[in-house]
Amino acid sequence: MTTKKFQVIFYSITGLCILTIIIAFTSFDFIEADTASDWTMRYFALPILIVMIPVCYFIYIRFLRQYEKQAYKSTVLTRLRTIFRISIMTLAMTGIFFATTLSIIILTNAYFGDSKTINIHATIVDYYTSISRGRIRYYIKIKDPQLNRTIDLKVDRPYQTGQTFNKTMQIGHWGLLYAKK
């Protein structure tokens, strides 16, 4: 495979992954994302990392090492640089595929199989926010007697603990709650 073909394949796969992530996290007002994130961490994170280690090693040795400009006199420094770069690339690619897997779980939950409509009427037991890249994200935790479980939801606006949460939502293929925009 030539370097040009590799670049086309690499950028296409990376672009599709990023597109999947964007679609999954902009298509829904409410997502039970914590459960999907837990599943991704529990069942997919380690296998993705294990696969990415040899893949990134091969990609670096076969396609990227030829573009290094600075040559060190010491082979130890050269090997340390190679190990460092392969490690960083492995972590970056693992992160991209982790987010892609999470997005695929969210999308297949909503669009595969039959979804059941449910009216949620529950009290918010916990509310928290997170700030990422200057953007505030809101999360609530509710105890729903109808489903008989505690539900963590990513929501579109701030709430208060003790407030009643009323929403018509869908239960998707994987049993996760969501509401489309």
Protein backbone atom coordinates (compact mmCIF):
# COMPACT_ATOMS: atom_id res chain seq x y z
CA MET A 1 0.00 0.00 0.00
CA THR A 2 1.32 3.41 -0.87
CA THR A 3 1.46 6.32 1.52
CA LYS A 4 -1.21 8.16 -0.50
CA LYS A 5 -3.66 5.22 -0.25
CA PHE A 6 -2.93 4.93 3.46
CA GLN A 7 -3.67 8.63 3.98
CA VAL A 8 -6.99 8.35 2.15
CA ILE A 9 -8.02 5.30 4.18
CA PHE A 10 -6.81 6.78 7.49
CA TYR A 11 -8.53 10.13 6.98
CA SER A 12 -11.73 8.44 5.75
CA ILE A 13 -11.95 6.19 8.81
CA THR A 14 -11.14 9.06 11.17
CA GLY A 15 -13.70 11.31 9.43
CA LEU A 16 -16.42 8.65 9.67
CA CYS A 17 -15.66 8.17 13.36
CA ILE A 18 -15.89 11.89 14.06
CA LEU A 19 -19.09 12.17 12.00
CA THR A 20 -20.64 9.31 14.00
CA ILE A 21 -19.71 11.03 17.26
CA ILE A 22 -21.19 14.35 16.13
CA ILE A 23 -24.44 12.76 14.92
CA ALA A 24 -24.89 10.76 18.13
CA PHE A 25 -24.40 13.67 20.49
CA THR A 26 -26.33 16.31 18.56
CA SER A 27 -29.40 14.27 17.60
CA PHE A 28 -30.90 13.88 21.06
CA ASP A 29 -32.15 16.23 23.77
CA PHE A 30 -31.95 13.55 26.44
CA ILE A 31 -29.66 10.53 26.43
CA GLU A 32 -28.95 7.91 29.06
CA ALA A 33 -25.27 8.33 28.22
CA ASP A 34 -23.73 7.17 31.51
CA THR A 35 -25.00 3.63 31.07
CA ALA A 36 -23.73 3.51 27.49
CA SER A 37 -20.40 4.93 28.67
CA ASP A 38 -20.16 2.29 31.38
CA TRP A 39 -20.82 -0.47 28.83
CA THR A 40 -18.21 0.95 26.50
CA MET A 41 -15.65 1.16 29.29
CA ARG A 42 -16.45 -2.29 30.66
CA TYR A 43 -16.69 -4.28 27.42
CA PHE A 44 -14.88 -2.35 24.68
CA ALA A 45 -12.11 -0.11 26.07
CA LEU A 46 -9.55 -2.85 26.74
CA PRO A 47 -10.15 -4.71 23.44
CA ILE A 48 -9.85 -1.41 21.53
CA LEU A 49 -6.57 -0.64 23.32
CA ILE A 50 -5.22 -4.16 22.69
CA VAL A 51 -6.01 -3.88 18.97
CA MET A 52 -4.67 -0.32 18.68
CA ILE A 53 -1.21 -1.13 20.09
CA PRO A 54 -0.04 -3.30 17.15
CA VAL A 55 -2.03 -1.27 14.61
CA CYS A 56 -0.42 2.00 15.70
CA TYR A 57 2.99 0.35 15.83
CA PHE A 58 2.57 -0.85 12.25
CA ILE A 59 1.24 2.53 11.05
CA TYR A 60 4.10 4.40 12.67
CA ILE A 61 6.85 2.08 11.45
CA ARG A 62 5.43 1.65 7.95
CA PHE A 63 4.13 5.15 7.17
CA LEU A 64 5.15 7.83 9.68
CA ARG A 65 8.74 7.12 10.67
CA GLN A 66 9.98 8.09 7.21
CA TYR A 67 8.96 11.73 7.85
CA GLU A 68 11.15 12.23 10.91
CA LYS A 69 13.63 15.01 10.27
CA GLN A 70 15.82 15.06 13.37
CA ALA A 71 18.27 12.19 13.72
CA TYR A 72 19.71 11.51 17.16
CA LYS A 73 23.24 10.21 17.63
CA SER A 74 22.02 7.92 20.39
CA THR A 75 19.88 4.95 19.41
CA VAL A 76 18.34 5.06 22.89
CA LEU A 77 16.89 8.53 22.23
CA THR A 78 15.63 7.42 18.83
CA ARG A 79 13.89 4.40 20.37
CA LEU A 80 12.43 6.48 23.20
CA ARG A 81 11.04 8.96 20.66
CA THR A 82 9.52 6.09 18.68
CA ILE A 83 7.96 4.55 21.81
CA PHE A 84 6.62 7.94 22.91
CA ARG A 85 5.06 8.68 19.53
CA ILE A 86 3.53 5.22 19.20
CA SER A 87 2.12 5.54 22.74
CA ILE A 88 0.56 8.94 22.05
CA MET A 89 -0.89 7.74 18.75
CA THR A 90 -2.27 4.60 20.46
CA LEU A 91 -3.96 6.66 23.19
CA ALA A 92 -5.41 9.11 20.65
CA MET A 93 -6.77 6.38 18.39
CA THR A 94 -8.14 4.46 21.39
CA GLY A 95 -9.95 7.63 22.49
CA ILE A 96 -11.44 8.16 19.04
CA PHE A 97 -12.63 4.55 18.79
CA PHE A 98 -13.92 4.62 22.39
CA ALA A 99 -16.08 7.67 21.57
CA THR A 100 -17.15 6.07 18.29
CA THR A 101 -18.21 2.87 20.07
CA LEU A 102 -20.18 4.92 22.60
CA SER A 103 -21.85 6.79 19.73
CA ILE A 104 -22.70 3.55 17.93
CA ILE A 105 -24.36 2.21 21.09
CA ILE A 106 -26.43 5.40 21.37
CA LEU A 107 -27.40 5.38 17.67
CA THR A 108 -28.25 1.68 17.50
CA ASN A 109 -30.30 2.05 20.67
CA ALA A 110 -32.43 4.68 18.98
CA TYR A 111 -32.61 3.47 15.39
CA PHE A 112 -32.44 -0.36 15.49
CA GLY A 113 -35.40 -2.41 16.56
CA ASP A 114 -38.60 -1.13 18.07
CA SER A 115 -38.65 1.71 20.55
CA LYS A 116 -41.26 1.92 23.25
CA THR A 117 -42.71 5.27 24.33
CA ILE A 118 -42.79 5.91 28.05
CA ASN A 119 -43.88 8.87 30.18
CA ILE A 120 -41.29 9.67 32.82
CA HIS A 121 -42.62 11.36 35.96
CA ALA A 122 -39.89 11.29 38.59
CA THR A 123 -38.10 13.43 41.13
CA ILE A 124 -34.55 14.57 40.43
CA VAL A 125 -32.30 13.12 43.11
CA ASP A 126 -29.02 14.58 41.83
CA TYR A 127 -28.00 17.33 39.42
CA TYR A 128 -24.52 18.16 38.20
CA THR A 129 -22.76 19.96 35.39
CA SER A 130 -19.51 19.50 33.56
CA ILE A 131 -17.59 22.02 31.52
CA SER A 132 -15.74 20.77 28.48
CA ARG A 133 -14.12 23.10 25.97
CA GLY A 134 -16.03 26.05 27.35
CA ARG A 135 -19.38 24.29 26.95
CA ILE A 136 -21.57 23.47 29.94
CA ARG A 137 -23.24 20.07 29.94
CA TYR A 138 -26.09 19.24 32.30
CA TYR A 139 -26.79 15.88 33.90
CA ILE A 140 -29.56 14.69 36.18
CA LYS A 141 -30.12 11.52 38.16
CA ILE A 142 -33.72 10.45 38.68
CA LYS A 143 -35.30 7.53 40.48
CA ASP A 144 -38.12 6.28 38.29
CA PRO A 145 -40.68 4.00 39.99
CA GLN A 146 -42.09 2.89 36.63
CA LEU A 147 -38.77 1.42 35.45
CA ASN A 148 -37.66 0.65 39.03
CA ARG A 149 -34.14 2.00 38.54
CA THR A 150 -32.03 5.10 38.92
CA ILE A 151 -31.49 6.84 35.59
CA ASP A 152 -28.63 9.17 34.67
CA LEU A 153 -29.59 11.53 31.84
CA LYS A 154 -27.70 14.13 29.85
CA VAL A 155 -30.19 16.98 29.57
CA ASP A 156 -30.39 20.21 27.61
CA ARG A 157 -30.90 22.72 30.41
CA PRO A 158 -30.27 23.21 34.15
CA TYR A 159 -32.51 21.58 36.76
CA GLN A 160 -32.60 21.55 40.56
CA THR A 161 -32.47 18.64 42.97
CA GLY A 162 -35.98 17.81 44.19
CA GLN A 163 -37.62 19.22 41.06
CA THR A 164 -40.07 16.95 39.22
CA PHE A 165 -38.93 15.74 35.83
CA ASN A 166 -41.72 15.10 33.32
CA LYS A 167 -40.88 13.92 29.84
CA THR A 168 -42.19 11.57 27.19
CA MET A 169 -39.21 9.48 26.17
CA GLN A 170 -38.34 6.37 24.22
CA ILE A 171 -36.76 3.15 25.43
CA GLY A 172 -34.59 1.90 22.62
CA HIS A 173 -33.19 -1.41 21.45
CA TRP A 174 -30.64 -1.66 24.30
CA GLY A 175 -33.05 -0.48 26.99
CA LEU A 176 -31.58 3.01 27.19
CA LEU A 177 -33.79 6.09 27.43
CA TYR A 178 -33.58 8.87 24.88
CA ALA A 179 -35.59 11.73 23.45
CA LYS A 180 -34.95 13.12 19.99
CA LYS A 181 -34.70 16.83 19.28
